[in-house]
Amino acid sequence: MSELAIHNPATGERIAAVPADDGACVAAKAGRARAAQPAWAATPLAVRVACIERLRAGVVRELESLAATMTRETGKPIRMSRNELNGLLPRLDFFLQQVQAATATETVHDEGGMREQIEHVPLGVVANISAWNYPWFVGCNVIVPALLTGNAVLYKPSEYATLTGLEIARLLHEAGVPQDVFIALVGEGAVGAALLEQPIDGLFFTGSHATGVRIAQSLGKRFVKLQLELGGKDPTYVCDDADPKAAAESLADGAMYNTGQSCCSVERIYVHEKIHDAFVDAFVQAVEGMKAGDPMSEETYIGAITRAGQIAVLEAQVTDALAQGASLHTGGRRLPGPGNWYAPTVFSNVDQRMELMKEESFGPVIGIQKVSGDDEAVRLMNDTRYGLTAGVYTPDEERARRLLARVNAGSVYWNCCDRVSPRLPWSGCGDSGVGLTLSTYGIQAFTRPKAWHLRQS
């Protein structure tokens, strides 16, 4: 059996090697999941709930070691790894609290001897190809509601977060989820491709638009339920009546948190000309105060770039922006030392011709563009093939609502950014994908409605 080598992106050091699956292993695991799923679906919901409650307890119990594992293999600063795990807990609580009501059989008509009901039955075998940037958040958005609703899960963590994926599997099995009901697959893209060939009932993917297109093309003829959570080029508009310093500090965090490696990171900022210069000054000051360094240090805010190849993308965007006349305020270069490092980078005097205003950066690079007013800001915010999130900063809620109603995005923010709630659906439009996770809709996504027509004889 081949091995998958795991490297620390902050140092380049090889930290582990784990056995990797091949096509035959994937097929065998899919067969086991198919055989195990009916018994799991027949297991009382209370038993399934108890398993996830024990998973939650395991996360609390082992939080420090789980955070360290995530930091070592992704380069995420340790305090942000802790934030992710602590933030996972209320998501688990939401699923646990809502699953019974969200999946209860509904009687929609009962009259004249005819009763009509809607039952929510599990999809069956759910395949999940997950992401590395928030492996616990993104993984459990699928894994937990899928298991609670009676599905078996074939889970392929990203090759850049494999150790975390295996920890998720271990804790679920220790919590009582049967070995064949939740199965982890280890490997790179070939393992994901092999998974697509299996007789699955649903495919839930989080990752790049390019990979999402290939998955959709692969499954298109099979009518498998498909959900694709893809990228974003998330814009924010700072109005003339906003506090430039407060908005700048909030948006600097929204752009640079997790080293900018979030699908909902702020990636484009449009600022009204009346406060543009004050905003840029405050934004640069906030970014220059962010400490880059050892991800295991409590003081570190900027961590490593998880995927070495992404640095070339950032460099190309910076080169293009400079060539077209953008003003570089800070950063714009690799940082020295072993591992994958890039300085937080801020541009102003940008426009929509530039790659950093069109294509996803997925790193600590941001462009700030001056606008003359609301109409220009909305037009530029919508000048994208993506539609994940968008925000407006203004003290006037009605103004924000009017503007955000005109913006094509799955999630919109007033005076905040880079925020996800378990109570609200997470979805996008355009090239940001199809389907949703989170909210009660994100629980029902792992079921299909079965219509019952019941006539009393």
Protein backbone atom coordinates (compact mmCIF):
# COMPACT_ATOMS: atom_id res chain seq x y z
CA MET A 1 0.00 0.00 0.00
CA SER A 2 1.30 3.47 -0.86
CA GLU A 3 1.77 6.25 1.68
CA LEU A 4 0.69 9.87 1.86
CA ALA A 5 3.41 12.11 3.25
CA ILE A 6 2.27 14.97 5.50
CA HIS A 7 4.41 18.13 5.67
CA ASN A 8 4.27 21.13 7.98
CA PRO A 9 3.77 24.15 5.67
CA ALA A 10 5.40 26.47 8.19
CA THR A 11 8.71 24.59 8.13
CA GLY A 12 8.60 22.19 5.21
CA GLU A 13 9.29 19.36 7.67
CA ARG A 14 7.78 15.94 7.01
CA ILE A 15 5.71 15.21 10.09
CA ALA A 16 3.93 11.96 9.21
CA ALA A 17 3.25 9.36 6.57
CA VAL A 18 -0.05 7.51 6.55
CA PRO A 19 -1.27 4.56 4.44
CA ALA A 20 -3.13 5.79 1.36
CA ASP A 21 -6.08 4.18 -0.39
CA ASP A 22 -6.16 3.04 -4.00
CA GLY A 23 -9.13 2.37 -6.28
CA ALA A 24 -9.68 -1.13 -4.92
CA CYS A 25 -9.65 0.14 -1.32
CA VAL A 26 -12.16 2.85 -2.16
CA ALA A 27 -14.51 0.34 -3.81
CA ALA A 28 -14.25 -2.02 -0.84
CA LYS A 29 -14.98 0.76 1.64
CA ALA A 30 -17.95 1.91 -0.41
CA GLY A 31 -19.32 -1.63 -0.35
CA ARG A 32 -18.97 -1.80 3.41
CA ALA A 33 -20.77 1.54 3.84
CA ARG A 34 -23.61 0.39 1.59
CA ALA A 35 -24.06 -2.80 3.61
CA ALA A 36 -23.98 -0.97 6.95
CA GLN A 37 -26.30 1.94 6.12
CA PRO A 38 -29.74 0.27 6.51
CA ALA A 39 -29.05 -0.81 10.07
CA TRP A 40 -27.80 2.67 10.95
CA ALA A 41 -30.92 4.23 9.43
CA ALA A 42 -33.03 1.86 11.54
CA THR A 43 -31.14 2.84 14.70
CA PRO A 44 -33.31 5.09 16.90
CA LEU A 45 -32.57 8.77 16.51
CA ALA A 46 -31.84 9.01 20.24
CA VAL A 47 -28.95 6.57 19.80
CA ARG A 48 -27.52 8.52 16.87
CA VAL A 49 -27.87 11.75 18.87
CA ALA A 50 -26.00 10.18 21.79
CA CYS A 51 -23.10 9.33 19.48
CA ILE A 52 -22.74 12.94 18.38
CA GLU A 53 -23.02 14.10 21.99
CA ARG A 54 -20.06 11.85 22.81
CA LEU A 55 -18.19 13.26 19.80
CA ARG A 56 -18.74 16.72 21.25
CA ALA A 57 -17.40 15.60 24.60
CA GLY A 58 -14.35 14.16 22.87
CA VAL A 59 -13.63 17.45 21.13
CA VAL A 60 -13.84 19.30 24.45
CA ARG A 61 -11.65 16.72 26.16
CA GLU A 62 -8.92 16.71 23.48
CA LEU A 63 -9.22 20.28 22.21
CA GLU A 64 -5.59 21.25 22.78
CA SER A 65 -4.12 18.24 21.00
CA LEU A 66 -6.63 18.50 18.16
CA ALA A 67 -5.75 22.17 17.71
CA ALA A 68 -2.03 21.36 17.65
CA THR A 69 -2.56 18.68 14.99
CA MET A 70 -4.52 21.10 12.81
CA THR A 71 -1.86 23.80 13.18
CA ARG A 72 1.01 21.46 12.38
CA GLU A 73 -0.48 20.22 9.11
CA THR A 74 -2.21 23.39 7.83
CA GLY A 75 -0.09 26.25 9.20
CA LYS A 76 -3.16 27.83 10.85
CA PRO A 77 -2.17 29.92 13.90
CA ILE A 78 -2.84 27.93 17.06
CA ARG A 79 -5.31 30.38 18.54
CA MET A 80 -7.35 30.20 15.32
CA SER A 81 -7.27 26.40 15.50
CA ARG A 82 -8.69 26.68 19.00
CA ASN A 83 -11.27 29.15 17.74
CA GLU A 84 -12.40 26.67 15.11
CA LEU A 85 -12.82 23.86 17.61
CA ASN A 86 -14.59 26.07 20.15
CA GLY A 87 -16.78 27.43 17.36
CA LEU A 88 -17.64 23.87 16.34
CA LEU A 89 -19.38 23.20 19.64
CA PRO A 90 -22.42 25.46 19.07
CA ARG A 91 -22.75 24.02 15.56
CA LEU A 92 -22.96 20.54 17.02
CA ASP A 93 -25.44 21.79 19.61
CA PHE A 94 -27.61 23.27 16.85
CA PHE A 95 -27.70 20.01 14.89
CA LEU A 96 -28.45 18.03 18.05
CA GLN A 97 -31.24 20.38 19.08
CA GLN A 98 -32.88 20.68 15.67
CA VAL A 99 -32.58 17.30 13.99
CA GLN A 100 -35.72 15.75 15.47
CA ALA A 101 -38.02 18.61 14.47
CA ALA A 102 -36.36 19.10 11.08
CA THR A 103 -36.85 15.45 10.09
CA ALA A 104 -40.14 14.63 11.81
CA THR A 105 -42.86 13.19 9.59
CA GLU A 106 -45.30 15.97 8.65
CA THR A 107 -49.04 15.48 8.25
CA VAL A 108 -50.05 18.04 5.64
CA HIS A 109 -53.64 16.93 5.07
CA ASP A 110 -56.12 14.78 7.03
CA GLU A 111 -59.69 15.02 5.81
CA GLY A 112 -62.43 12.78 4.42
CA GLY A 113 -60.56 9.59 5.21
CA MET A 114 -57.43 10.66 3.30
CA ARG A 115 -54.27 11.46 5.17
CA GLU A 116 -51.19 12.90 3.41
CA GLN A 117 -47.77 12.85 5.02
CA ILE A 118 -44.20 13.80 4.18
CA GLU A 119 -41.47 11.54 5.55
CA HIS A 120 -37.81 12.53 5.49
CA VAL A 121 -35.74 9.45 4.63
CA PRO A 122 -31.93 9.33 4.45
CA LEU A 123 -30.23 9.62 1.08
CA GLY A 124 -28.25 6.43 1.76
CA VAL A 125 -24.49 6.56 1.23
CA VAL A 126 -23.15 10.11 1.27
CA ALA A 127 -19.70 10.94 -0.12
CA ASN A 128 -17.95 13.98 1.31
CA ILE A 129 -14.82 15.44 -0.29
CA SER A 130 -13.83 18.09 2.19
CA ALA A 131 -11.52 21.12 2.53
CA TRP A 132 -8.34 21.84 4.46
CA ASN A 133 -8.81 25.48 5.49
CA TYR A 134 -11.47 24.75 8.14
CA PRO A 135 -11.40 20.95 8.33
CA TRP A 136 -13.57 20.64 11.44
CA PHE A 137 -16.13 23.27 10.42
CA VAL A 138 -16.45 22.21 6.79
CA GLY A 139 -16.26 18.50 7.51
CA CYS A 140 -18.80 18.48 10.32
CA ASN A 141 -21.24 20.66 8.38
CA VAL A 142 -21.72 17.53 6.27
CA ILE A 143 -20.69 14.64 8.48
CA VAL A 144 -22.84 15.39 11.51
CA PRO A 145 -26.24 16.03 9.88
CA ALA A 146 -25.59 13.15 7.46
CA LEU A 147 -25.02 10.73 10.33
CA LEU A 148 -27.85 12.10 12.45
CA THR A 149 -30.32 11.58 9.59
CA GLY A 150 -29.32 7.95 9.08
CA ASN A 151 -26.77 8.05 6.26
CA ALA A 152 -23.48 6.23 5.98
CA VAL A 153 -20.60 8.57 5.13
CA LEU A 154 -17.52 8.07 2.97
CA TYR A 155 -15.28 10.96 3.99
CA LYS A 156 -12.23 12.08 2.07
CA PRO A 157 -10.45 14.85 3.94
CA SER A 158 -8.14 17.08 1.97
CA GLU A 159 -4.64 15.68 1.65
CA TYR A 160 -3.55 18.88 3.42
CA ALA A 161 -5.68 18.06 6.50
CA THR A 162 -5.50 14.27 6.57
CA LEU A 163 -4.34 13.94 10.17
CA THR A 164 -7.29 16.03 11.31
CA GLY A 165 -9.62 13.92 9.18
CA LEU A 166 -8.33 10.77 10.81
CA GLU A 167 -8.86 12.34 14.23
CA ILE A 168 -12.48 13.06 13.29
CA ALA A 169 -12.89 9.41 12.31
CA ARG A 170 -11.28 8.17 15.52
CA LEU A 171 -13.48 10.31 17.74
CA LEU A 172 -16.64 9.31 15.89
CA HIS A 173 -15.83 5.62 16.23
CA GLU A 174 -14.96 6.04 19.90
CA ALA A 175 -18.31 7.83 20.29
CA GLY A 176 -20.16 4.76 19.01
CA VAL A 177 -20.61 5.38 15.28
CA PRO A 178 -19.98 1.96 13.66
CA GLN A 179 -16.72 1.57 11.74
CA ASP A 180 -18.51 0.90 8.45
CA VAL A 181 -21.03 3.74 8.85
CA PHE A 182 -18.32 6.39 8.83
CA ILE A 183 -15.24 5.57 6.76
CA ALA A 184 -12.31 7.88 6.04
CA LEU A 185 -10.49 7.71 2.70
CA VAL A 186 -6.86 8.81 2.52
CA GLY A 187 -5.13 10.17 -0.53
CA GLU A 188 -4.88 12.85 -3.16
CA GLY A 189 -7.04 13.61 -6.19
CA ALA A 190 -7.02 10.04 -7.54
CA VAL A 191 -8.82 8.85 -4.40
CA GLY A 192 -11.49 11.50 -4.86
CA ALA A 193 -11.88 10.43 -8.50
CA ALA A 194 -12.26 6.80 -7.43
CA LEU A 195 -14.92 7.84 -4.92
CA LEU A 196 -16.97 9.45 -7.69
CA GLU A 197 -17.09 6.11 -9.50
CA GLN A 198 -18.84 4.38 -6.59
CA PRO A 199 -22.65 3.86 -6.36
CA ILE A 200 -23.19 6.76 -3.97
CA ASP A 201 -26.46 8.59 -3.25
CA GLY A 202 -25.07 12.05 -2.64
CA LEU A 203 -21.82 13.94 -3.19
CA PHE A 204 -20.97 16.93 -1.02
CA PHE A 205 -17.81 18.79 -2.05
CA THR A 206 -16.05 21.87 -0.72
CA GLY A 207 -13.17 23.28 -2.73
CA SER A 208 -12.22 25.08 -5.91
CA HIS A 209 -14.51 25.97 -8.79
CA ALA A 210 -12.34 24.03 -11.24
CA THR A 211 -12.61 20.82 -9.24
CA GLY A 212 -16.33 21.40 -8.73
CA VAL A 213 -16.83 21.59 -12.49
CA ARG A 214 -15.01 18.27 -12.98
CA ILE A 215 -17.14 16.63 -10.29
CA ALA A 216 -20.36 17.94 -11.81
CA GLN A 217 -19.33 16.65 -15.24
CA SER A 218 -18.40 13.27 -13.79
CA LEU A 219 -21.72 12.79 -11.98
CA GLY A 220 -23.97 14.58 -14.45
CA LYS A 221 -25.31 11.44 -16.15
CA ARG A 222 -26.04 9.60 -12.92
CA PHE A 223 -28.57 11.91 -11.22
CA VAL A 224 -26.76 11.72 -7.88
CA LYS A 225 -27.64 14.49 -5.44
CA LEU A 226 -24.82 16.99 -5.82
CA GLN A 227 -23.79 19.85 -3.60
CA LEU A 228 -20.83 22.05 -4.46
CA GLU A 229 -19.51 24.66 -2.03
CA LEU A 230 -16.98 26.53 -4.15
CA GLY A 231 -15.07 29.79 -4.07
CA GLY A 232 -15.87 33.45 -3.70
CA LYS A 233 -14.56 36.90 -4.52
CA ASP A 234 -16.36 38.50 -1.64
CA PRO A 235 -16.90 42.29 -1.83
CA THR A 236 -17.64 44.89 0.83
CA TYR A 237 -18.69 48.50 0.38
CA VAL A 238 -17.81 51.13 2.98
CA CYS A 239 -20.27 54.02 2.71
CA ASP A 240 -19.47 57.70 3.18
CA ASP A 241 -21.25 57.78 6.56
CA ALA A 242 -19.26 54.85 8.02
CA ASP A 243 -16.55 55.26 10.66
CA PRO A 244 -13.43 54.65 8.51
CA LYS A 245 -11.23 53.44 11.37
CA ALA A 246 -13.80 51.01 12.81
CA ALA A 247 -14.65 49.66 9.36
CA ALA A 248 -10.97 49.30 8.46
CA GLU A 249 -10.16 47.34 11.60
CA SER A 250 -13.12 45.02 11.10
CA LEU A 251 -12.37 44.44 7.41
CA ALA A 252 -8.65 43.95 7.94
CA ASP A 253 -9.54 41.03 10.20
CA GLY A 254 -12.08 39.81 7.65
CA ALA A 255 -9.48 39.88 4.90
CA MET A 256 -6.49 38.45 6.77
CA TYR A 257 -7.99 36.00 9.28
CA ASN A 258 -6.67 32.47 8.69
CA THR A 259 -4.07 34.15 6.45
CA GLY A 260 -6.84 34.99 3.99
CA GLN A 261 -7.46 31.31 3.30
CA SER A 262 -11.25 31.32 3.63
CA CYS A 263 -13.91 31.14 0.95
CA CYS A 264 -15.71 33.98 2.74
CA SER A 265 -12.64 36.16 3.35
CA VAL A 266 -13.13 39.75 2.29
CA GLU A 267 -11.39 39.89 -1.10
CA ARG A 268 -12.52 43.23 -2.59
CA ILE A 269 -13.21 46.50 -0.77
CA TYR A 270 -14.99 49.50 -2.30
CA VAL A 271 -14.78 52.72 -0.30
CA HIS A 272 -16.66 55.95 -0.86
CA GLU A 273 -14.32 58.68 -2.07
CA LYS A 274 -15.18 60.94 0.89
CA ILE A 275 -13.53 58.60 3.43
CA HIS A 276 -11.26 56.56 1.13
CA ASP A 277 -7.91 57.96 2.24
CA ALA A 278 -8.70 57.74 5.96
CA PHE A 279 -9.92 54.18 5.48
CA VAL A 280 -6.78 53.11 3.62
CA ASP A 281 -4.50 54.63 6.26
CA ALA A 282 -6.35 52.83 9.07
CA PHE A 283 -6.51 49.56 7.12
CA VAL A 284 -2.77 49.53 6.42
CA GLN A 285 -2.02 50.34 10.04
CA ALA A 286 -4.19 47.43 11.19
CA VAL A 287 -2.55 44.99 8.76
CA GLU A 288 0.98 46.07 9.63
CA GLY A 289 0.18 45.31 13.27
CA MET A 290 -0.55 41.65 12.47
CA LYS A 291 2.30 39.41 13.61
CA ALA A 292 3.53 36.70 11.25
CA GLY A 293 5.57 33.83 12.63
CA ASP A 294 5.53 30.39 14.22
CA PRO A 295 1.92 29.18 14.02
CA MET A 296 2.32 27.50 17.41
CA SER A 297 2.98 30.88 19.05
CA GLU A 298 0.09 32.53 20.87
CA GLU A 299 1.07 35.91 19.40
CA THR A 300 0.96 34.82 15.77
CA TYR A 301 -1.88 36.16 13.62
CA ILE A 302 -0.52 35.45 10.11
CA GLY A 303 0.35 31.80 9.58
CA ALA A 304 1.78 29.80 6.71
CA ILE A 305 0.23 29.36 3.27
CA THR A 306 -1.03 25.79 3.43
CA ARG A 307 -0.51 24.92 -0.24
CA ALA A 308 2.88 25.92 -1.61
CA GLY A 309 1.45 26.31 -5.11
CA GLN A 310 -0.84 29.13 -3.96
CA ILE A 311 2.13 31.45 -3.52
CA ALA A 312 2.59 31.53 -7.31
CA VAL A 313 -1.06 32.64 -7.63
CA LEU A 314 -0.49 35.47 -5.16
CA GLU A 315 2.71 36.53 -6.87
CA ALA A 316 1.00 36.61 -10.26
CA GLN A 317 -1.83 38.78 -8.90
CA VAL A 318 0.65 41.19 -7.30
CA THR A 319 2.74 41.44 -10.48
CA ASP A 320 -0.38 42.07 -12.57
CA ALA A 321 -1.67 44.77 -10.19
CA LEU A 322 1.66 46.61 -10.16
CA ALA A 323 1.93 46.43 -13.94
CA GLN A 324 -1.50 48.06 -14.27
CA GLY A 325 -0.76 50.91 -11.91
CA ALA A 326 -2.02 49.79 -8.50
CA SER A 327 -0.45 51.38 -5.42
CA LEU A 328 1.22 48.90 -3.05
CA HIS A 329 1.04 49.99 0.60
CA THR A 330 2.53 46.97 2.37
CA GLY A 331 3.63 43.42 1.64
CA GLY A 332 3.75 42.14 -1.91
CA ARG A 333 6.48 39.59 -1.33
CA ARG A 334 7.34 36.18 0.02
CA LEU A 335 8.59 36.11 3.60
CA PRO A 336 11.99 34.54 4.28
CA GLY A 337 12.67 31.21 5.91
CA PRO A 338 11.68 27.62 5.30
CA GLY A 339 8.06 26.80 4.61
CA ASN A 340 5.35 28.68 2.70
CA TRP A 341 5.09 32.33 3.74
CA TYR A 342 3.66 35.44 2.12
CA ALA A 343 3.44 38.92 3.60
CA PRO A 344 0.00 40.50 4.12
CA THR A 345 -0.46 42.70 1.07
CA VAL A 346 -2.61 45.79 0.61
CA PHE A 347 -3.24 47.67 -2.65
CA SER A 348 -5.24 50.77 -3.42
CA ASN A 349 -5.82 52.45 -6.80
CA VAL A 350 -7.07 49.13 -8.18
CA ASP A 351 -9.76 48.42 -10.75
CA GLN A 352 -11.75 45.53 -12.19
CA ARG A 353 -9.20 44.80 -14.91
CA MET A 354 -6.78 43.44 -12.33
CA GLU A 355 -6.65 39.76 -11.45
CA LEU A 356 -6.74 40.47 -7.70
CA MET A 357 -10.16 42.08 -8.22
CA LYS A 358 -11.51 39.27 -10.43
CA GLU A 359 -10.06 35.92 -9.37
CA GLU A 360 -10.02 34.36 -5.92
CA SER A 361 -6.78 35.12 -4.08
CA PHE A 362 -7.17 32.70 -1.17
CA GLY A 363 -4.31 34.37 0.61
CA PRO A 364 -3.41 37.59 2.45
CA VAL A 365 -3.84 39.95 -0.55
CA ILE A 366 -6.49 42.65 -0.81
CA GLY A 367 -7.41 45.47 -3.18
CA ILE A 368 -9.19 48.68 -2.11
CA GLN A 369 -11.00 50.70 -4.79
CA LYS A 370 -12.37 54.24 -4.52
CA VAL A 371 -16.00 54.72 -5.66
CA SER A 372 -18.14 57.79 -6.18
CA GLY A 373 -21.35 56.46 -4.63
CA ASP A 374 -23.79 53.66 -3.98
CA ASP A 375 -24.70 52.84 -7.57
CA GLU A 376 -21.09 52.46 -8.66
CA ALA A 377 -20.35 50.32 -5.60
CA VAL A 378 -23.24 47.92 -6.30
CA ARG A 379 -22.30 47.65 -9.97
CA LEU A 380 -18.72 46.73 -9.08
CA MET A 381 -19.76 44.33 -6.31
CA ASN A 382 -21.87 42.44 -8.87
CA ASP A 383 -19.09 42.46 -11.47
CA THR A 384 -18.04 38.89 -10.68
CA ARG A 385 -18.88 35.33 -11.60
CA TYR A 386 -19.03 34.44 -7.91
CA GLY A 387 -21.79 35.09 -5.38
CA LEU A 388 -20.91 33.83 -1.92
CA THR A 389 -20.93 36.79 0.51
CA ALA A 390 -21.10 40.58 0.37
CA GLY A 391 -21.23 43.33 2.97
CA VAL A 392 -21.98 47.00 3.57
CA TYR A 393 -20.68 49.28 6.34
CA THR A 394 -22.96 52.17 7.27
CA PRO A 395 -24.79 53.25 10.44
CA ASP A 396 -28.02 53.32 8.37
CA GLU A 397 -29.68 49.88 8.37
CA GLU A 398 -32.26 50.84 5.74
CA ARG A 399 -29.51 52.01 3.41
CA ALA A 400 -27.63 48.76 3.94
CA ARG A 401 -30.75 46.70 3.26
CA ARG A 402 -31.47 48.59 0.04
CA LEU A 403 -27.92 48.07 -1.19
CA LEU A 404 -27.58 44.43 -0.18
CA ALA A 405 -30.93 43.57 -1.76
CA ARG A 406 -29.34 44.51 -5.09
CA VAL A 407 -26.22 42.36 -4.60
CA ASN A 408 -26.06 38.77 -5.84
CA ALA A 409 -24.78 36.75 -2.87
CA GLY A 410 -25.89 33.84 -0.72
CA SER A 411 -25.01 35.64 2.53
CA VAL A 412 -24.99 39.38 3.17
CA TYR A 413 -23.52 41.34 6.09
CA TRP A 414 -24.29 44.70 7.63
CA ASN A 415 -21.36 46.13 9.63
CA CYS A 416 -19.72 42.70 9.92
CA CYS A 417 -17.98 40.20 7.66
CA ASP A 418 -16.46 36.72 7.39
CA ARG A 419 -19.17 35.29 9.64
CA VAL A 420 -21.02 31.96 9.56
CA SER A 421 -23.95 30.95 11.78
CA PRO A 422 -25.35 27.42 12.24
CA ARG A 423 -28.84 28.94 12.25
CA LEU A 424 -28.53 30.38 8.73
CA PRO A 425 -28.07 28.50 5.46
CA TRP A 426 -24.62 28.67 3.87
CA SER A 427 -25.01 28.88 0.13
CA GLY A 428 -23.86 30.76 -2.93
CA CYS A 429 -24.90 31.63 -6.45
CA GLY A 430 -23.07 31.69 -9.75
CA ASP A 431 -19.67 30.01 -9.63
CA SER A 432 -19.82 29.86 -5.83
CA GLY A 433 -21.74 26.61 -6.15
CA VAL A 434 -25.06 24.87 -5.67
CA GLY A 435 -26.84 23.55 -2.59
CA LEU A 436 -26.35 24.52 1.03
CA THR A 437 -25.21 23.47 4.46
CA LEU A 438 -26.20 24.65 7.95
CA SER A 439 -29.62 25.73 9.24
CA THR A 440 -32.53 23.29 9.33
CA TYR A 441 -32.37 23.24 5.53
CA GLY A 442 -28.83 21.91 5.88
CA ILE A 443 -30.17 19.03 7.97
CA GLN A 444 -32.91 18.21 5.48
CA ALA A 445 -30.32 18.30 2.66
CA PHE A 446 -29.27 14.80 3.70
CA THR A 447 -32.77 13.41 3.31
CA ARG A 448 -35.27 13.08 0.51
CA PRO A 449 -38.98 13.62 0.99
CA LYS A 450 -41.17 10.53 0.67
CA ALA A 451 -44.84 11.26 0.01
CA TRP A 452 -47.45 9.11 1.76
CA HIS A 453 -51.07 8.90 0.52
CA LEU A 454 -53.06 7.03 3.17
CA ARG A 455 -56.75 6.26 2.62
CA GLN A 456 -58.73 4.71 5.40
CA SER A 457 -60.70 1.73 4.07
